[in-house]
């Protein structure tokens, strides 16, 4: 279950990416329970919180949002690695700035 701080950060990232010309989708994944106690799995293990594409070139991105003490699971590591290997922009963001660095690396040459 996402904590409130992480949800707030996720929403800030979505707003900034949209302002910069991206289409962004929030992905819900995990194990949920119906009001009757039945388990329902949505998505797949490791699936990123945010995914989308840049309007300027269609390049896809996947962002796993984490607060300062957020734990990265093995499945999340594997998913991000697989997305990078497929030539998508992908990574873990602990701030809006980190998310922008993932999606627009050309603006942050070091």
Protein backbone atom coordinates (compact mmCIF):
# COMPACT_ATOMS: atom_id res chain seq x y z
CA UNK A 1 0.00 0.00 0.00
CA UNK A 2 1.39 3.40 -0.97
CA UNK A 3 1.92 5.88 1.82
CA UNK A 4 0.51 9.38 1.57
CA UNK A 5 3.92 11.04 1.02
CA UNK A 6 4.65 8.74 -1.90
CA UNK A 7 1.24 9.43 -3.46
CA UNK A 8 1.81 13.19 -3.15
CA UNK A 9 5.26 12.84 -4.78
CA UNK A 10 3.80 10.69 -7.54
CA UNK A 11 1.17 13.33 -8.29
CA UNK A 12 3.79 16.12 -8.39
CA UNK A 13 5.86 14.08 -10.84
CA UNK A 14 2.82 13.48 -13.06
CA UNK A 15 2.00 17.21 -13.16
CA UNK A 16 5.59 18.22 -14.06
CA UNK A 17 5.94 15.56 -16.76
CA UNK A 18 2.63 16.64 -18.30
CA UNK A 19 3.81 20.27 -18.29
CA UNK A 20 6.92 19.13 -20.17
CA UNK A 21 4.88 17.43 -22.90
CA UNK A 22 4.54 13.85 -21.73
CA UNK A 23 1.64 11.46 -21.55
CA UNK A 24 1.77 9.79 -18.12
CA UNK A 25 -0.25 6.92 -16.72
CA UNK A 26 -0.32 5.82 -13.11
CA UNK A 27 -0.24 2.06 -12.75
CA UNK A 28 -1.86 0.24 -9.90
CA UNK A 29 -0.40 -3.13 -9.17
CA UNK A 30 -0.33 -5.42 -6.20
CA UNK A 31 -2.57 -7.57 -4.09
CA UNK A 32 -5.94 -6.12 -3.13
CA UNK A 33 -8.95 -7.46 -1.27
CA UNK A 34 -12.61 -7.16 -2.19
CA UNK A 35 -15.12 -6.11 0.49
CA UNK A 36 -15.83 -9.85 0.82
CA UNK A 37 -12.21 -10.72 1.58
CA UNK A 38 -11.32 -12.20 -1.80
CA UNK A 39 -7.76 -11.59 -3.03
CA UNK A 40 -7.30 -9.90 -6.39
CA UNK A 41 -3.92 -9.34 -8.05
CA UNK A 42 -3.70 -6.36 -10.37
CA UNK A 43 -0.77 -5.81 -12.70
CA UNK A 44 2.38 -7.85 -12.32
CA UNK A 45 5.20 -7.93 -9.77
CA UNK A 46 7.71 -5.12 -10.31
CA UNK A 47 5.53 -3.02 -12.59
CA UNK A 48 6.45 0.68 -12.29
CA UNK A 49 4.20 3.28 -10.67
CA UNK A 50 4.32 5.62 -13.66
CA UNK A 51 4.69 4.92 -17.33
CA UNK A 52 4.24 6.94 -20.45
CA UNK A 53 5.94 8.54 -23.40
CA UNK A 54 7.46 11.82 -24.48
CA UNK A 55 5.39 13.62 -27.10
CA UNK A 56 8.50 15.00 -28.82
CA UNK A 57 9.76 11.59 -29.94
CA UNK A 58 7.50 8.86 -28.53
CA UNK A 59 10.26 7.54 -26.29
CA UNK A 60 8.75 5.42 -23.50
CA UNK A 61 9.57 5.79 -19.82
CA UNK A 62 8.95 3.86 -16.62
CA UNK A 63 9.38 5.40 -13.19
CA UNK A 64 9.21 3.70 -9.81
CA UNK A 65 8.48 6.39 -7.22
CA UNK A 66 10.06 5.99 -3.79
CA UNK A 67 10.14 8.19 -0.70
CA UNK A 68 13.41 8.63 1.19
CA UNK A 69 13.02 5.30 3.07
CA UNK A 70 11.24 3.38 0.32
CA UNK A 71 12.37 -0.18 -0.23
CA UNK A 72 13.11 -1.33 -3.77
CA UNK A 73 12.04 -4.92 -4.38
CA UNK A 74 13.95 -7.43 -6.49
CA UNK A 75 11.03 -7.47 -8.93
CA UNK A 76 11.19 -3.68 -9.31
CA UNK A 77 14.96 -3.84 -9.93
CA UNK A 78 14.45 -6.51 -12.59
CA UNK A 79 11.65 -4.58 -14.29
CA UNK A 80 13.61 -1.32 -14.46
CA UNK A 81 16.67 -3.19 -15.76
CA UNK A 82 14.59 -4.91 -18.46
CA UNK A 83 13.05 -1.60 -19.56
CA UNK A 84 16.49 0.05 -19.81
CA UNK A 85 17.75 -2.91 -21.84
CA UNK A 86 14.83 -2.43 -24.23
CA UNK A 87 16.00 1.17 -24.80
CA UNK A 88 13.27 2.85 -22.73
CA UNK A 89 14.02 5.48 -20.12
CA UNK A 90 13.57 3.91 -16.70
CA UNK A 91 14.59 4.39 -13.11
CA UNK A 92 13.77 5.10 -9.49
CA UNK A 93 12.74 8.62 -8.52
CA UNK A 94 12.84 10.02 -4.99
CA UNK A 95 12.00 13.54 -6.21
CA UNK A 96 10.50 15.44 -9.13
CA UNK A 97 14.05 16.36 -10.20
CA UNK A 98 15.10 12.70 -10.36
CA UNK A 99 12.04 11.86 -12.46
CA UNK A 100 12.89 14.66 -14.90
CA UNK A 101 16.47 13.37 -15.13
CA UNK A 102 15.14 9.92 -16.05
CA UNK A 103 12.77 11.17 -18.75
CA UNK A 104 14.95 13.99 -20.14
CA UNK A 105 18.55 12.82 -19.71
CA UNK A 106 19.71 15.06 -22.56
CA UNK A 107 18.93 18.11 -20.39
CA UNK A 108 21.15 16.85 -17.57
CA UNK A 109 24.51 16.09 -19.15
CA UNK A 110 27.21 15.81 -16.53
